[in-house]
Amino acid sequence: MFARDIGIDLGTANVLIHVKGKGIVLDEPSVVAMDRNTGRVLEVGEEARRMVGRTPGNIEAIRPLKDGVIADFDVTEAMLKYFIDKIDVRGFLSKPRMLICCPTDITKVEQKAIKEAAEKSGGKQVFLEEEPKVAAIGAGMDIFQPSGNMVIDVGGGTTDVAVLSMGDIVTSSSIKMAGDKFDQEILQYIKKQYKLLIGERTAEDIKVNVATVSPSSRNEAIDIRGRDMVSGLPRTITVYSEEIGKALQEAVSLIVQSAKQVLERTPPELSADIIDRGVILTGGGALLHGIDELLAEELKVPVLIAEEPMNCVAKGTGIMLENIDKLPKRSIV
């Protein structure tokens, strides 16, 4: 049996793996639980995520990727190896070829780290592709025509904005402002406003259930529990959509600014195409309530959320795997 080619969306928050001919077979959080004393990996993925903020002193739940790049090489390698073993794609005597996505402006050193981690975890040949390009393909955009397509990929660690034409990126920008930073902004707001300490998972629940960045389009409330900074005892408070919207205002304005800068550097002919076709939003951050309305208002062009935005990059790797032999050699670092 031969090894199957696989595409990996190596995200700061989640890892998705697409196996050629099978589709997306794995979608797990990028978290590894380790024993600090022995360095042994205890759990990976969803099981490890459940431990975040709830482990005893000797167990640490680590997120080995930060801002779209590898922060802890050995842990990333262990995580990838675990996921690849789990999906069982190795052949009897052969290893799978891998296509991995990375942010647009990462350095050669960061690219090399991703490639080495993939090779050590069992990849025969490793291709690297830029995330917004793969996300655009996965969202169903035909980027190989001589016309402008714009994609904004709001992930966990980075937001990648790109204008594509003729199968490549014309102008792009990558900023370290995305889903994780939204959680941090909410966490800091609750701490400052209510003198209440909450964990990352509670902040994420607030973001998903009540947050909005389009004023007056959502009006919901959620009860949250945390530790009172004054008394040190557990306390419950209620937070509302409007106040969380204000807490996220600054973070989202950086994404808007980045999109504007990319549009300003785009050739006029391609800008005209973008007015016709609109902008496609991909990544988990695209699910932040009202972000499409806010971007449409600020950029003065239609903004559409892709179908299954969290799966766009993984889907895109699947389409590119079909043509892996035609990929330009520059994709191989």
Protein backbone atom coordinates (compact mmCIF):
# COMPACT_ATOMS: atom_id res chain seq x y z
CA MET A 1 0.00 0.00 0.00
CA PHE A 2 1.31 3.46 -0.91
CA ALA A 3 1.23 6.43 1.44
CA ARG A 4 -1.45 9.02 0.72
CA ASP A 5 -0.65 12.68 0.11
CA ILE A 6 -1.90 14.92 2.92
CA GLY A 7 -2.62 18.63 3.31
CA ILE A 8 -2.17 20.25 6.72
CA ASP A 9 -3.67 23.50 7.96
CA LEU A 10 -1.19 24.01 10.79
CA GLY A 11 -3.11 26.66 12.70
CA THR A 12 -2.37 28.45 15.96
CA ALA A 13 -5.72 27.31 17.36
CA ASN A 14 -6.56 24.17 15.35
CA VAL A 15 -4.87 21.60 13.12
CA LEU A 16 -6.92 20.29 10.19
CA ILE A 17 -5.68 17.46 7.98
CA HIS A 18 -6.98 16.67 4.50
CA VAL A 19 -6.13 13.27 3.03
CA LYS A 20 -6.13 13.00 -0.76
CA GLY A 21 -9.21 11.08 -1.86
CA LYS A 22 -10.80 11.10 1.61
CA GLY A 23 -11.38 14.78 2.48
CA ILE A 24 -10.87 16.37 5.91
CA VAL A 25 -10.19 13.52 8.34
CA LEU A 26 -8.93 15.42 11.39
CA ASP A 27 -9.87 18.68 13.11
CA GLU A 28 -8.31 19.05 16.55
CA PRO A 29 -7.10 21.93 18.75
CA SER A 30 -3.33 22.68 18.58
CA VAL A 31 -2.75 21.82 22.24
CA VAL A 32 -0.37 19.33 23.84
CA ALA A 33 -0.48 18.29 27.53
CA MET A 34 2.95 17.36 28.89
CA ASP A 35 4.42 16.17 32.15
CA ARG A 36 6.91 18.89 33.16
CA ASN A 37 9.07 16.51 35.19
CA THR A 38 9.58 13.82 32.55
CA GLY A 39 8.83 15.74 29.33
CA ARG A 40 6.39 12.99 28.34
CA VAL A 41 3.43 13.84 26.12
CA LEU A 42 0.22 12.88 27.96
CA GLU A 43 -2.58 14.07 25.66
CA VAL A 44 -2.87 15.85 22.31
CA GLY A 45 -5.71 17.77 20.66
CA GLU A 46 -9.22 17.88 22.14
CA GLU A 47 -8.26 15.87 25.24
CA ALA A 48 -5.42 18.29 25.97
CA ARG A 49 -7.60 21.36 25.33
CA ARG A 50 -9.96 20.24 28.10
CA MET A 51 -7.02 20.47 30.48
CA VAL A 52 -6.18 24.13 29.71
CA GLY A 53 -6.30 26.08 32.98
CA ARG A 54 -7.25 22.94 34.93
CA THR A 55 -4.02 21.02 35.44
CA PRO A 56 -1.92 20.33 38.55
CA GLY A 57 1.56 21.84 38.78
CA ASN A 58 3.46 19.03 37.08
CA ILE A 59 1.19 18.93 34.00
CA GLU A 60 1.34 21.73 31.44
CA ALA A 61 -1.07 22.30 28.55
CA ILE A 62 1.07 23.88 25.79
CA ARG A 63 0.05 25.53 22.53
CA PRO A 64 3.20 24.97 20.44
CA LEU A 65 2.25 27.46 17.71
CA LYS A 66 2.12 31.19 18.27
CA ASP A 67 1.08 33.83 15.73
CA GLY A 68 0.98 31.22 12.96
CA VAL A 69 4.57 30.02 13.47
CA ILE A 70 6.29 27.37 15.58
CA ALA A 71 7.08 28.58 19.10
CA ASP A 72 8.12 25.17 20.47
CA PHE A 73 9.75 22.92 17.87
CA ASP A 74 9.85 19.62 19.81
CA VAL A 75 6.23 19.88 20.97
CA THR A 76 5.05 20.76 17.42
CA GLU A 77 6.88 17.72 16.09
CA ALA A 78 5.31 15.47 18.77
CA MET A 79 1.86 16.89 18.00
CA LEU A 80 2.19 16.38 14.24
CA LYS A 81 3.53 12.86 14.71
CA TYR A 82 0.58 12.01 16.98
CA PHE A 83 -1.97 13.34 14.45
CA ILE A 84 -0.31 11.62 11.47
CA ASP A 85 -0.19 8.30 13.36
CA LYS A 86 -3.85 8.78 14.30
CA ILE A 87 -5.05 9.15 10.69
CA ASP A 88 -2.84 6.23 9.54
CA VAL A 89 -1.66 7.46 6.13
CA ARG A 90 1.78 5.91 6.00
CA GLY A 91 2.35 3.20 3.43
CA PHE A 92 4.12 -0.10 4.04
CA LEU A 93 7.43 1.26 2.79
CA SER A 94 6.57 4.83 1.86
CA LYS A 95 5.93 8.14 3.59
CA PRO A 96 3.25 10.70 2.64
CA ARG A 97 3.96 13.91 0.77
CA MET A 98 2.72 16.92 2.72
CA LEU A 99 1.39 20.31 1.75
CA ILE A 100 1.47 22.73 4.70
CA CYS A 101 0.10 26.26 4.86
CA CYS A 102 1.90 29.18 6.49
CA PRO A 103 1.28 32.96 6.87
CA THR A 104 2.47 35.18 4.00
CA ASP A 105 5.32 37.05 5.63
CA ILE A 106 7.09 34.43 7.73
CA THR A 107 10.89 34.30 7.54
CA LYS A 108 13.03 31.64 5.84
CA VAL A 109 14.03 30.38 9.31
CA GLU A 110 10.35 29.98 10.33
CA GLN A 111 9.61 28.22 7.01
CA LYS A 112 12.54 25.87 7.59
CA ALA A 113 11.25 25.08 11.12
CA ILE A 114 7.81 24.09 9.74
CA LYS A 115 9.42 21.96 7.02
CA GLU A 116 11.76 20.18 9.46
CA ALA A 117 8.97 19.49 11.98
CA ALA A 118 6.87 17.96 9.17
CA GLU A 119 9.75 15.83 7.88
CA LYS A 120 10.62 14.56 11.35
CA SER A 121 6.99 13.65 12.00
CA GLY A 122 6.93 11.42 8.92
CA GLY A 123 6.73 13.48 5.72
CA LYS A 124 8.66 12.37 2.63
CA GLN A 125 8.49 15.63 0.70
CA VAL A 126 7.14 18.86 2.19
CA PHE A 127 5.57 21.67 0.18
CA LEU A 128 4.79 25.04 1.76
CA GLU A 129 2.04 27.30 0.45
CA GLU A 130 0.82 30.72 1.54
CA GLU A 131 -2.33 30.54 3.62
CA PRO A 132 -4.53 33.19 1.95
CA LYS A 133 -3.91 31.62 -1.47
CA VAL A 134 -4.96 28.16 -0.24
CA ALA A 135 -7.92 29.66 1.69
CA ALA A 136 -9.13 31.43 -1.49
CA ILE A 137 -8.98 28.15 -3.45
CA GLY A 138 -10.81 26.35 -0.63
CA ALA A 139 -13.50 29.05 -0.58
CA GLY A 140 -14.24 28.33 -4.25
CA MET A 141 -12.54 31.36 -5.81
CA ASP A 142 -11.01 30.93 -9.25
CA ILE A 143 -7.70 32.67 -8.62
CA PHE A 144 -6.07 31.38 -11.83
CA GLN A 145 -7.88 33.85 -14.11
CA PRO A 146 -6.43 37.30 -14.90
CA SER A 147 -8.88 39.03 -12.55
CA GLY A 148 -8.70 40.30 -8.97
CA ASN A 149 -9.84 38.24 -5.98
CA MET A 150 -9.48 39.43 -2.40
CA VAL A 151 -9.47 37.18 0.64
CA ILE A 152 -9.23 38.01 4.36
CA ASP A 153 -8.25 34.95 6.39
CA VAL A 154 -8.82 35.61 10.12
CA GLY A 155 -7.22 32.68 11.94
CA GLY A 156 -6.24 32.05 15.54
CA GLY A 157 -2.83 33.74 15.54
CA THR A 158 -2.68 35.82 12.36
CA THR A 159 -4.94 37.62 9.92
CA ASP A 160 -3.77 37.32 6.32
CA VAL A 161 -5.14 39.73 3.72
CA ALA A 162 -4.32 39.14 0.06
CA VAL A 163 -5.33 40.15 -3.46
CA LEU A 164 -4.80 37.30 -5.91
CA SER A 165 -4.67 37.10 -9.70
CA MET A 166 -3.26 34.60 -12.22
CA GLY A 167 -2.81 32.02 -9.45
CA ASP A 168 -0.54 34.12 -7.28
CA ILE A 169 -0.54 36.87 -4.64
CA VAL A 170 -0.35 40.43 -6.00
CA THR A 171 -0.45 42.35 -2.71
CA SER A 172 -0.71 40.99 0.80
CA SER A 173 -0.36 41.74 4.49
CA SER A 174 -0.13 39.52 7.55
CA ILE A 175 -0.76 40.87 11.05
CA LYS A 176 -0.60 39.18 14.43
CA MET A 177 -4.17 40.15 15.32
CA ALA A 178 -6.76 37.39 15.20
CA GLY A 179 -8.97 35.06 17.28
CA ASP A 180 -6.51 34.58 20.17
CA LYS A 181 -6.04 38.34 20.57
CA PHE A 182 -9.84 38.80 20.63
CA ASP A 183 -9.95 36.38 23.58
CA GLN A 184 -7.18 38.31 25.33
CA GLU A 185 -8.98 41.64 24.81
CA ILE A 186 -12.17 40.19 26.36
CA LEU A 187 -10.18 38.69 29.25
CA GLN A 188 -8.47 42.05 29.96
CA TYR A 189 -11.77 43.95 29.71
CA ILE A 190 -13.48 41.69 32.29
CA LYS A 191 -10.45 41.99 34.57
CA LYS A 192 -10.36 45.79 34.34
CA GLN A 193 -14.10 46.49 34.35
CA TYR A 194 -15.34 43.90 36.85
CA LYS A 195 -12.16 43.02 38.81
CA LEU A 196 -12.85 39.41 37.87
CA LEU A 197 -10.29 36.89 36.66
CA ILE A 198 -11.50 34.49 33.96
CA GLY A 199 -9.75 31.85 31.86
CA GLU A 200 -9.13 31.68 28.11
CA ARG A 201 -11.98 29.22 27.58
CA THR A 202 -14.49 31.51 29.30
CA ALA A 203 -13.25 34.42 27.15
CA GLU A 204 -13.79 32.27 24.06
CA ASP A 205 -17.33 31.39 25.19
CA ILE A 206 -18.11 35.11 25.52
CA LYS A 207 -16.68 35.75 22.03
CA VAL A 208 -18.75 33.00 20.44
CA ASN A 209 -22.02 33.55 22.30
CA VAL A 210 -22.44 37.30 22.77
CA ALA A 211 -19.65 39.30 21.09
CA THR A 212 -20.38 41.53 18.10
CA VAL A 213 -18.36 44.17 16.27
CA SER A 214 -21.29 45.65 14.38
CA PRO A 215 -23.09 48.07 16.70
CA SER A 216 -26.74 47.35 17.56
CA SER A 217 -26.92 44.14 15.45
CA ARG A 218 -26.77 41.75 18.41
CA ASN A 219 -28.12 42.18 21.88
CA GLU A 220 -27.45 39.14 24.05
CA ALA A 221 -26.21 38.44 27.55
CA ILE A 222 -24.22 35.65 29.17
CA ASP A 223 -23.52 34.73 32.80
CA ILE A 224 -19.86 34.04 33.46
CA ARG A 225 -18.00 32.81 36.52
CA GLY A 226 -14.54 33.70 37.67
CA ARG A 227 -12.41 34.61 40.67
CA ASP A 228 -13.00 37.96 42.33
CA MET A 229 -9.68 39.87 42.47
CA VAL A 230 -10.62 41.60 45.73
CA SER A 231 -12.15 38.83 47.86
CA GLY A 232 -10.44 35.91 46.08
CA LEU A 233 -13.78 34.06 46.02
CA PRO A 234 -15.76 32.75 43.03
CA ARG A 235 -18.26 35.24 41.60
CA THR A 236 -20.84 35.32 38.77
CA ILE A 237 -21.49 38.35 36.56
CA THR A 238 -23.56 39.07 33.46
CA VAL A 239 -21.96 40.63 30.37
CA TYR A 240 -23.70 42.05 27.30
CA SER A 241 -23.01 42.17 23.56
CA GLU A 242 -22.61 45.93 23.41
CA GLU A 243 -19.83 46.16 26.00
CA ILE A 244 -17.90 43.25 24.49
CA GLY A 245 -18.20 45.01 21.11
CA LYS A 246 -16.50 48.05 22.60
CA ALA A 247 -13.78 45.86 24.12
CA LEU A 248 -13.00 44.41 20.67
CA GLN A 249 -13.17 47.71 18.77
CA GLU A 250 -9.44 48.44 18.78
CA ALA A 251 -8.42 44.90 17.80
CA VAL A 252 -10.83 44.74 14.86
CA SER A 253 -9.84 48.23 13.65
CA LEU A 254 -6.29 46.86 13.05
CA ILE A 255 -7.73 44.21 10.70
CA VAL A 256 -9.74 46.90 8.88
CA GLN A 257 -6.58 49.03 8.59
CA SER A 258 -4.59 46.12 7.18
CA ALA A 259 -7.30 45.42 4.55
CA LYS A 260 -7.33 49.11 3.56
CA GLN A 261 -3.56 49.15 3.12
CA VAL A 262 -3.69 46.09 0.84
CA LEU A 263 -6.42 47.72 -1.26
CA GLU A 264 -4.39 50.93 -1.50
CA ARG A 265 -1.46 48.97 -2.99
CA THR A 266 -3.65 47.04 -5.45
CA PRO A 267 -3.47 47.92 -9.19
CA PRO A 268 -6.62 49.83 -10.31
CA GLU A 269 -7.81 47.13 -12.76
CA LEU A 270 -7.82 44.53 -9.99
CA SER A 271 -9.57 46.98 -7.61
CA ALA A 272 -12.39 47.25 -10.14
CA ASP A 273 -12.73 43.42 -10.16
CA ILE A 274 -12.91 43.37 -6.34
CA ILE A 275 -15.85 45.84 -6.41
CA ASP A 276 -17.68 43.36 -8.69
CA ARG A 277 -16.69 40.15 -6.93
CA GLY A 278 -16.49 41.33 -3.33
CA VAL A 279 -14.16 40.19 -0.57
CA ILE A 280 -14.29 36.66 0.85
CA LEU A 281 -13.81 36.13 4.61
CA THR A 282 -12.29 32.82 5.73
CA GLY A 283 -10.90 31.35 8.97
CA GLY A 284 -12.51 30.95 12.40
CA GLY A 285 -12.43 34.71 12.99
CA ALA A 286 -14.87 35.14 10.10
CA LEU A 287 -17.52 33.78 12.51
CA LEU A 288 -17.11 36.79 14.83
CA HIS A 289 -20.56 38.35 14.74
CA GLY A 290 -20.81 41.47 12.55
CA ILE A 291 -17.25 41.43 11.19
CA ASP A 292 -18.52 41.12 7.60
CA GLU A 293 -20.85 44.12 8.03
CA LEU A 294 -18.09 46.21 9.59
CA LEU A 295 -15.59 45.41 6.82
CA ALA A 296 -18.17 46.08 4.09
CA GLU A 297 -18.94 49.46 5.61
CA GLU A 298 -15.26 50.44 6.00
CA LEU A 299 -13.93 49.08 2.68
CA LYS A 300 -16.95 50.15 0.60
CA VAL A 301 -17.04 46.77 -1.18
CA PRO A 302 -19.29 43.71 -0.66
CA VAL A 303 -17.92 41.28 1.97
CA LEU A 304 -19.08 37.66 2.03
CA ILE A 305 -18.33 34.93 4.55
CA ALA A 306 -17.15 31.70 2.91
CA GLU A 307 -19.11 28.51 3.37
CA GLU A 308 -17.55 26.62 6.32
CA PRO A 309 -14.89 29.34 6.81
CA MET A 310 -12.87 27.27 9.30
CA ASN A 311 -12.37 24.50 6.73
CA CYS A 312 -11.35 26.68 3.75
CA VAL A 313 -7.59 26.24 4.13
CA ALA A 314 -7.88 22.46 4.61
CA LYS A 315 -10.25 22.21 1.62
CA GLY A 316 -7.81 24.30 -0.43
CA THR A 317 -4.95 21.93 0.40
CA GLY A 318 -7.16 19.09 -0.89
CA ILE A 319 -7.65 20.83 -4.25
CA MET A 320 -3.92 21.60 -4.49
CA LEU A 321 -3.02 17.99 -3.62
CA GLU A 322 -4.84 16.90 -6.76
CA ASN A 323 -2.28 18.93 -8.71
CA ILE A 324 0.70 18.47 -6.40
CA ASP A 325 3.00 17.40 -9.24
CA LYS A 326 2.33 20.70 -11.02
CA LEU A 327 3.18 22.83 -7.98
CA PRO A 328 6.06 25.21 -8.68
CA LYS A 329 9.37 24.11 -7.20
CA ARG A 330 9.61 27.39 -5.28
CA SER A 331 6.97 25.94 -2.96
CA ILE A 332 9.60 23.59 -1.65
CA VAL A 333 11.84 25.36 0.83
